[in-house]
Amino acid sequence: MAEKTLKVTLVKSLIGRKQDHRATVRGLGLRRLHHTVVLEDTPAVRGMVTKVSYLLKVEA
């Protein structure tokens, strides 16, 4: 059985964003604009994605 994953891309700049939102984006492993990472679909990751969803593009 394959693990569930999320493909997350940073599509908006972090300039002028709250410090905890910047930290959340870094915690997801995103480093720069249009950088994409594939993450395991866990409740913790879902919570982080929800917190900064206005900065991200998420694909299942």
C-alpha atoms as a PDB file:
ATOM      1  CA  MET A   1       0.000   0.000   0.000  1.00  0.00           C
ATOM      2  CA  ALA A   2       1.446   3.380  -1.043  1.00  0.00           C
ATOM      3  CA  GLU A   3       1.866   6.168   1.486  1.00  0.00           C
ATOM      4  CA  LYS A   4      -0.341   9.229   1.026  1.00  0.00           C
ATOM      5  CA  THR A   5       1.626  12.308   0.034  1.00  0.00           C
ATOM      6  CA  LEU A   6       1.057  16.004  -0.581  1.00  0.00           C
ATOM      7  CA  LYS A   7       2.925  18.052  -3.173  1.00  0.00           C
ATOM      8  CA  VAL A   8       3.330  21.555  -1.733  1.00  0.00           C
ATOM      9  CA  THR A   9       4.630  24.598  -3.676  1.00  0.00           C
ATOM     10  CA  LEU A  10       5.373  28.080  -2.316  1.00  0.00           C
ATOM     11  CA  VAL A  11       3.617  30.507  -4.689  1.00  0.00           C
ATOM     12  CA  LYS A  12       3.631  33.781  -2.711  1.00  0.00           C
ATOM     13  CA  SER A  13       6.527  35.674  -1.157  1.00  0.00           C
ATOM     14  CA  LEU A  14       7.308  35.588   2.567  1.00  0.00           C
ATOM     15  CA  ILE A  15       8.303  39.267   2.595  1.00  0.00           C
ATOM     16  CA  GLY A  16       6.220  41.119   5.173  1.00  0.00           C
ATOM     17  CA  ARG A  17       4.632  37.949   6.599  1.00  0.00           C
ATOM     18  CA  LYS A  18       4.361  37.112  10.285  1.00  0.00           C
ATOM     19  CA  GLN A  19       7.443  35.479  11.771  1.00  0.00           C
ATOM     20  CA  ASP A  20       5.552  32.328  12.824  1.00  0.00           C
ATOM     21  CA  HIS A  21       4.194  31.915   9.281  1.00  0.00           C
ATOM     22  CA  ARG A  22       7.729  32.182   7.893  1.00  0.00           C
ATOM     23  CA  ALA A  23       8.845  29.536  10.393  1.00  0.00           C
ATOM     24  CA  THR A  24       5.974  27.254   9.371  1.00  0.00           C
ATOM     25  CA  VAL A  25       6.944  27.506   5.695  1.00  0.00           C
ATOM     26  CA  ARG A  26      10.568  26.670   6.583  1.00  0.00           C
ATOM     27  CA  GLY A  27       9.308  23.770   8.701  1.00  0.00           C
ATOM     28  CA  LEU A  28       7.561  22.390   5.626  1.00  0.00           C
ATOM     29  CA  GLY A  29      10.949  22.416   3.879  1.00  0.00           C
ATOM     30  CA  LEU A  30      10.179  25.229   1.443  1.00  0.00           C
ATOM     31  CA  ARG A  31      13.147  27.504   0.793  1.00  0.00           C
ATOM     32  CA  ARG A  32      12.258  29.885  -2.045  1.00  0.00           C
ATOM     33  CA  LEU A  33       9.445  30.954  -4.343  1.00  0.00           C
ATOM     34  CA  HIS A  34       8.152  28.148  -6.621  1.00  0.00           C
ATOM     35  CA  HIS A  35      10.070  25.538  -4.606  1.00  0.00           C
ATOM     36  CA  THR A  36       8.133  22.256  -4.387  1.00  0.00           C
ATOM     37  CA  VAL A  37       8.399  19.487  -1.805  1.00  0.00           C
ATOM     38  CA  VAL A  38       6.590  16.167  -1.426  1.00  0.00           C
ATOM     39  CA  LEU A  39       5.485  15.537   2.161  1.00  0.00           C
ATOM     40  CA  GLU A  40       3.825  12.658   3.963  1.00  0.00           C
ATOM     41  CA  ASP A  41       0.125  13.334   4.577  1.00  0.00           C
ATOM     42  CA  THR A  42      -0.065  13.463   8.390  1.00  0.00           C
ATOM     43  CA  PRO A  43      -2.254  15.534  10.718  1.00  0.00           C
ATOM     44  CA  ALA A  44       0.767  17.655  11.718  1.00  0.00           C
ATOM     45  CA  VAL A  45       1.641  18.465   8.102  1.00  0.00           C
ATOM     46  CA  ARG A  46      -2.031  19.165   7.308  1.00  0.00           C
ATOM     47  CA  GLY A  47      -2.156  21.657  10.187  1.00  0.00           C
ATOM     48  CA  MET A  48       0.970  23.448   8.970  1.00  0.00           C
ATOM     49  CA  VAL A  49      -0.383  23.600   5.412  1.00  0.00           C
ATOM     50  CA  THR A  50      -3.724  24.956   6.660  1.00  0.00           C
ATOM     51  CA  LYS A  51      -1.984  27.688   8.680  1.00  0.00           C
ATOM     52  CA  VAL A  52      -0.183  29.122   5.644  1.00  0.00           C
ATOM     53  CA  SER A  53      -2.535  27.923   2.885  1.00  0.00           C
ATOM     54  CA  TYR A  54      -2.747  31.458   1.430  1.00  0.00           C
ATOM     55  CA  LEU A  55       0.946  31.170   0.471  1.00  0.00           C
ATOM     56  CA  LEU A  56       0.862  27.671  -0.999  1.00  0.00           C
ATOM     57  CA  LYS A  57      -0.412  25.505  -3.842  1.00  0.00           C
ATOM     58  CA  VAL A  58      -1.213  21.962  -2.669  1.00  0.00           C
ATOM     59  CA  GLU A  59      -1.741  18.891  -4.838  1.00  0.00           C
ATOM     60  CA  ALA A  60      -2.725  15.447  -3.591  1.00  0.00           C
END
